[in-house]
C-alpha atoms as a PDB file:
ATOM      1  CA  MET A   1       0.000   0.000   0.000  1.00  0.00           C
ATOM      2  CA  LYS A   2       2.891   2.367   0.802  1.00  0.00           C
ATOM      3  CA  GLY A   3       4.468   1.802  -2.624  1.00  0.00           C
ATOM      4  CA  PHE A   4       1.146   2.522  -4.346  1.00  0.00           C
ATOM      5  CA  ARG A   5       0.775   5.781  -2.410  1.00  0.00           C
ATOM      6  CA  GLU A   6       4.333   6.815  -3.378  1.00  0.00           C
ATOM      7  CA  PHE A   7       3.540   5.962  -6.997  1.00  0.00           C
ATOM      8  CA  LEU A   8       0.428   8.157  -6.954  1.00  0.00           C
ATOM      9  CA  LEU A   9       2.154  11.047  -5.227  1.00  0.00           C
ATOM     10  CA  ARG A  10       5.147  11.003  -7.580  1.00  0.00           C
ATOM     11  CA  GLY A  11       5.272  14.229  -9.563  1.00  0.00           C
ATOM     12  CA  ASN A  12       5.085  12.779 -13.053  1.00  0.00           C
ATOM     13  CA  VAL A  13       1.906  10.779 -12.323  1.00  0.00           C
ATOM     14  CA  ILE A  14       0.125  13.909 -11.126  1.00  0.00           C
ATOM     15  CA  ASP A  15       1.418  15.845 -14.148  1.00  0.00           C
ATOM     16  CA  LEU A  16       0.114  13.097 -16.432  1.00  0.00           C
ATOM     17  CA  ALA A  17      -3.319  13.216 -14.788  1.00  0.00           C
ATOM     18  CA  VAL A  18      -3.463  17.000 -15.215  1.00  0.00           C
ATOM     19  CA  ALA A  19      -2.417  16.631 -18.860  1.00  0.00           C
ATOM     20  CA  VAL A  20      -5.217  14.125 -19.517  1.00  0.00           C
ATOM     21  CA  VAL A  21      -7.821  16.423 -17.978  1.00  0.00           C
ATOM     22  CA  ILE A  22      -6.562  19.471 -19.889  1.00  0.00           C
ATOM     23  CA  GLY A  23      -6.370  17.405 -23.085  1.00  0.00           C
ATOM     24  CA  ALA A  24      -9.992  16.349 -22.655  1.00  0.00           C
ATOM     25  CA  ALA A  25     -10.996  19.981 -22.142  1.00  0.00           C
ATOM     26  CA  PHE A  26      -9.074  21.063 -25.249  1.00  0.00           C
ATOM     27  CA  THR A  27     -10.674  18.257 -27.232  1.00  0.00           C
ATOM     28  CA  ALA A  28     -14.148  19.365 -26.165  1.00  0.00           C
ATOM     29  CA  ILE A  29     -13.429  22.976 -27.142  1.00  0.00           C
ATOM     30  CA  VAL A  30     -11.911  22.045 -30.488  1.00  0.00           C
ATOM     31  CA  THR A  31     -14.719  19.599 -31.255  1.00  0.00           C
ATOM     32  CA  ALA A  32     -17.237  22.365 -30.606  1.00  0.00           C
ATOM     33  CA  VAL A  33     -15.339  24.754 -32.903  1.00  0.00           C
ATOM     34  CA  VAL A  34     -15.112  22.115 -35.627  1.00  0.00           C
ATOM     35  CA  THR A  35     -18.768  21.064 -35.453  1.00  0.00           C
ATOM     36  CA  ALA A  36     -20.201  24.575 -34.983  1.00  0.00           C
ATOM     37  CA  LEU A  37     -17.955  26.628 -37.270  1.00  0.00           C
ATOM     38  CA  ILE A  38     -15.724  24.653 -39.583  1.00  0.00           C
ATOM     39  CA  ASN A  39     -18.049  21.786 -40.521  1.00  0.00           C
ATOM     40  CA  PRO A  40     -20.815  24.156 -41.681  1.00  0.00           C
ATOM     41  CA  LEU A  41     -18.321  26.209 -43.720  1.00  0.00           C
ATOM     42  CA  ILE A  42     -16.848  23.160 -45.412  1.00  0.00           C
ATOM     43  CA  GLY A  43     -20.287  21.603 -45.695  1.00  0.00           C
ATOM     44  CA  ALA A  44     -21.437  24.689 -47.584  1.00  0.00           C
ATOM     45  CA  VAL A  45     -18.611  24.196 -50.060  1.00  0.00           C
ATOM     46  CA  PHE A  46     -19.627  20.536 -50.571  1.00  0.00           C
ATOM     47  CA  ASN A  47     -23.381  21.320 -50.422  1.00  0.00           C
ATOM     48  CA  ALA A  48     -24.010  19.332 -47.222  1.00  0.00           C
ATOM     49  CA  SER A  49     -25.030  20.279 -43.673  1.00  0.00           C
ATOM     50  CA  SER A  50     -21.741  18.984 -42.216  1.00  0.00           C
ATOM     51  CA  LEU A  51     -18.674  17.025 -43.220  1.00  0.00           C
ATOM     52  CA  ASP A  52     -20.300  13.863 -41.913  1.00  0.00           C
ATOM     53  CA  LYS A  53     -22.810  14.120 -44.769  1.00  0.00           C
ATOM     54  CA  ALA A  54     -20.375  15.366 -47.421  1.00  0.00           C
ATOM     55  CA  LEU A  55     -18.267  13.312 -49.819  1.00  0.00           C
ATOM     56  CA  ILE A  56     -20.274  10.103 -49.483  1.00  0.00           C
ATOM     57  CA  VAL A  57     -19.448   7.528 -52.128  1.00  0.00           C
ATOM     58  CA  SER A  58     -21.781   4.541 -52.633  1.00  0.00           C
ATOM     59  CA  PHE A  59     -20.586   1.169 -53.902  1.00  0.00           C
ATOM     60  CA  PRO A  60     -22.625  -1.899 -54.760  1.00  0.00           C
ATOM     61  CA  THR A  61     -21.932  -4.962 -52.649  1.00  0.00           C
ATOM     62  CA  VAL A  62     -21.770  -8.608 -53.673  1.00  0.00           C
ATOM     63  CA  SER A  63     -25.122  -9.286 -51.998  1.00  0.00           C
ATOM     64  CA  GLY A  64     -26.820  -6.674 -54.166  1.00  0.00           C
ATOM     65  CA  GLY A  65     -27.034  -3.848 -51.619  1.00  0.00           C
ATOM     66  CA  ASP A  66     -25.089  -0.621 -51.399  1.00  0.00           C
ATOM     67  CA  THR A  67     -22.337   0.439 -48.985  1.00  0.00           C
ATOM     68  CA  GLU A  68     -21.206   3.949 -48.312  1.00  0.00           C
ATOM     69  CA  LEU A  69     -17.702   5.283 -47.843  1.00  0.00           C
ATOM     70  CA  LEU A  70     -17.886   8.368 -45.633  1.00  0.00           C
ATOM     71  CA  PHE A  71     -14.900  10.406 -46.813  1.00  0.00           C
ATOM     72  CA  GLY A  72     -16.376  13.557 -45.299  1.00  0.00           C
ATOM     73  CA  LYS A  73     -16.471  11.984 -41.849  1.00  0.00           C
ATOM     74  CA  VAL A  74     -12.820  10.930 -42.184  1.00  0.00           C
ATOM     75  CA  LEU A  75     -11.917  14.420 -43.404  1.00  0.00           C
ATOM     76  CA  GLY A  76     -13.719  15.883 -40.374  1.00  0.00           C
ATOM     77  CA  ALA A  77     -11.762  13.628 -37.999  1.00  0.00           C
ATOM     78  CA  VAL A  78      -8.469  14.549 -39.671  1.00  0.00           C
ATOM     79  CA  LEU A  79      -9.380  18.222 -39.496  1.00  0.00           C
ATOM     80  CA  ASN A  80     -10.313  17.837 -35.829  1.00  0.00           C
ATOM     81  CA  PHE A  81      -6.939  16.218 -35.112  1.00  0.00           C
ATOM     82  CA  VAL A  82      -5.010  18.933 -36.960  1.00  0.00           C
ATOM     83  CA  ILE A  83      -6.822  21.676 -35.064  1.00  0.00           C
ATOM     84  CA  VAL A  84      -6.234  19.976 -31.684  1.00  0.00           C
ATOM     85  CA  ALA A  85      -2.552  19.517 -32.539  1.00  0.00           C
ATOM     86  CA  ALA A  86      -2.230  23.158 -33.634  1.00  0.00           C
ATOM     87  CA  VAL A  87      -3.921  24.461 -30.483  1.00  0.00           C
ATOM     88  CA  VAL A  88      -1.718  22.310 -28.246  1.00  0.00           C
ATOM     89  CA  TYR A  89       1.425  23.298 -30.140  1.00  0.00           C
ATOM     90  CA  PHE A  90       0.795  27.041 -30.279  1.00  0.00           C
ATOM     91  CA  ALA A  91      -0.903  27.360 -26.870  1.00  0.00           C
ATOM     92  CA  LEU A  92       1.381  25.057 -24.856  1.00  0.00           C
ATOM     93  CA  VAL A  93       4.540  23.881 -26.603  1.00  0.00           C
ATOM     94  CA  VAL A  94       5.732  27.194 -28.072  1.00  0.00           C
ATOM     95  CA  PRO A  95       5.277  29.237 -24.860  1.00  0.00           C
ATOM     96  CA  VAL A  96       6.828  26.529 -22.662  1.00  0.00           C
ATOM     97  CA  ASN A  97       9.834  26.192 -24.988  1.00  0.00           C
ATOM     98  CA  HIS A  98      10.266  29.974 -24.955  1.00  0.00           C
ATOM     99  CA  LEU A  99      10.135  30.051 -21.147  1.00  0.00           C
ATOM    100  CA  LYS A 100      12.665  27.205 -20.951  1.00  0.00           C
ATOM    101  CA  LYS A 101      15.003  29.066 -23.319  1.00  0.00           C
ATOM    102  CA  VAL A 102      14.729  32.278 -21.301  1.00  0.00           C
ATOM    103  CA  ALA A 103      15.358  30.399 -18.040  1.00  0.00           C
ATOM    104  CA  PHE A 104      18.338  28.559 -19.568  1.00  0.00           C
ATOM    105  CA  ASP A 105      19.840  31.804 -20.885  1.00  0.00           C
ATOM    106  CA  ARG A 106      19.374  33.454 -17.482  1.00  0.00           C
ATOM    107  CA  THR A 107      20.997  30.487 -15.720  1.00  0.00           C
ATOM    108  CA  LYS A 108      23.867  30.446 -18.219  1.00  0.00           C
ATOM    109  CA  HIS A 109      24.411  34.197 -17.740  1.00  0.00           C
ATOM    110  CA  ASP A 110      24.388  33.792 -13.942  1.00  0.00           C
ATOM    111  CA  GLU A 111      26.939  30.948 -14.134  1.00  0.00           C
ATOM    112  CA  GLU A 112      29.334  33.028 -16.252  1.00  0.00           C
ATOM    113  CA  GLN A 113      29.595  35.783 -13.642  1.00  0.00           C
ATOM    114  CA  PRO A 114      31.549  34.832 -10.537  1.00  0.00           C
ATOM    115  CA  PRO A 115      29.649  35.435  -7.317  1.00  0.00           C
ATOM    116  CA  ALA A 116      30.703  38.662  -5.611  1.00  0.00           C
ATOM    117  CA  ASP A 117      30.467  37.336  -2.071  1.00  0.00           C
ATOM    118  CA  VAL A 118      32.818  34.345  -2.366  1.00  0.00           C
ATOM    119  CA  PRO A 119      35.221  34.442   0.567  1.00  0.00           C
ATOM    120  CA  PRO A 120      38.931  34.065  -0.186  1.00  0.00           C
ATOM    121  CA  THR A 121      40.512  30.669   0.291  1.00  0.00           C
ATOM    122  CA  ASP A 122      42.853  29.922   3.189  1.00  0.00           C
ATOM    123  CA  VAL A 123      45.857  30.046   0.887  1.00  0.00           C
ATOM    124  CA  GLU A 124      44.865  33.479  -0.468  1.00  0.00           C
ATOM    125  CA  VAL A 125      44.447  34.836   3.073  1.00  0.00           C
ATOM    126  CA  LEU A 126      47.813  33.421   4.170  1.00  0.00           C
ATOM    127  CA  LEU A 127      49.544  34.880   1.093  1.00  0.00           C
ATOM    128  CA  GLU A 128      48.012  38.283   1.813  1.00  0.00           C
ATOM    129  CA  ILE A 129      49.154  38.109   5.467  1.00  0.00           C
ATOM    130  CA  ARG A 130      52.647  37.133   4.351  1.00  0.00           C
ATOM    131  CA  ASP A 131      52.828  40.014   1.889  1.00  0.00           C
ATOM    132  CA  LEU A 132      51.582  42.468   4.519  1.00  0.00           C
ATOM    133  CA  LEU A 133      54.173  41.270   7.043  1.00  0.00           C
ATOM    134  CA  ARG A 134      56.910  41.601   4.456  1.00  0.00           C
ATOM    135  CA  ALA A 135      55.717  45.082   3.552  1.00  0.00           C
ATOM    136  CA  GLN A 136      55.868  46.094   7.231  1.00  0.00           C
ATOM    137  CA  GLN A 137      59.457  44.880   7.413  1.00  0.00           C
ATOM    138  CA  GLY A 138      60.402  46.858   4.316  1.00  0.00           C
ATOM    139  CA  ALA A 139      60.720  43.936   1.882  1.00  0.00           C
ATOM    140  CA  GLU A 140      58.957  43.767  -1.489  1.00  0.00           C
ATOM    141  CA  PRO A 141      55.775  41.609  -1.512  1.00  0.00           C
ATOM    142  CA  GLY A 142      56.321  38.217  -3.081  1.00  0.00           C
ATOM    143  CA  VAL A 143      60.131  38.373  -2.730  1.00  0.00           C
ATOM    144  CA  GLY A 144      61.983  36.335  -0.124  1.00  0.00           C
ATOM    145  CA  GLY A 145      63.108  38.226   2.957  1.00  0.00           C
ATOM    146  CA  HIS A 146      64.915  37.535   6.195  1.00  0.00           C
ATOM    147  CA  GLY A 147      62.985  36.672   9.328  1.00  0.00           C
ATOM    148  CA  ALA A 148      62.023  33.876  11.646  1.00  0.00           C
ATOM    149  CA  HIS A 149      59.227  32.678   9.311  1.00  0.00           C
ATOM    150  CA  VAL A 150      61.460  32.333   6.230  1.00  0.00           C
ATOM    151  CA  ALA A 151      63.351  29.090   5.583  1.00  0.00           C
ATOM    152  CA  PRO A 152      67.121  29.202   5.137  1.00  0.00           C
ATOM    153  CA  ALA A 153      68.348  29.688   1.566  1.00  0.00           C
ATOM    154  CA  ASP A 154      70.026  26.250   1.497  1.00  0.00           C
ATOM    155  CA  ALA A 155      66.804  24.363   2.503  1.00  0.00           C
ATOM    156  CA  PRO A 156      65.493  21.843  -0.088  1.00  0.00           C
ATOM    157  CA  GLU A 157      62.591  22.875  -2.368  1.00  0.00           C
ATOM    158  CA  GLY A 158      59.148  21.450  -1.588  1.00  0.00           C
ATOM    159  CA  ALA A 159      55.877  21.086  -3.407  1.00  0.00           C
ATOM    160  CA  GLY A 160      54.409  24.302  -2.070  1.00  0.00           C
ATOM    161  CA  ILE A 161      52.881  27.250  -3.853  1.00  0.00           C
ATOM    162  CA  ALA A 162      54.662  27.668  -7.180  1.00  0.00           C
ATOM    163  CA  GLY A 163      57.622  25.644  -5.827  1.00  0.00           C
ATOM    164  CA  THR A 164      58.746  28.470  -3.510  1.00  0.00           C
ATOM    165  CA  THR A 165      58.129  26.735  -0.199  1.00  0.00           C
ATOM    166  CA  LYS A 166      61.200  25.260   1.489  1.00  0.00           C
ATOM    167  CA  LEU A 167      60.927  22.013   3.405  1.00  0.00           C
END
């Protein structure tokens, strides 16, 4: 029972349910537009009251009767599908893709600029302290000086910052 509840409460299941409901509503609206507006206009061109009664072709059957092919009804269904697809594309897909593009561009622009409030690393702080101490003693920043914190000149090189640290 717990797994079923988690399945139902998962985001994509709820999104799918909303999409089905909205799709049904769009279908009802488009069907009304097709039957109330477009079918009469096309039916007027084909001299019929609607597409369901237009483009009917009768064929004789083997048993001696007649059968009808309802091309108008098929054309109406195809037209209904095309209108639903166009409404969904232009009312949902295009705006959502535009919003995604704008959000992506904004995120990309934000990533390119370094944050202004990033604190300096420990190494940067220590280097700044070292340079300030050297400046107080009259030595040039970044150049070796003489003092208790500086290694002797004959000390072996270590793997410190830019190879300047003595072991």
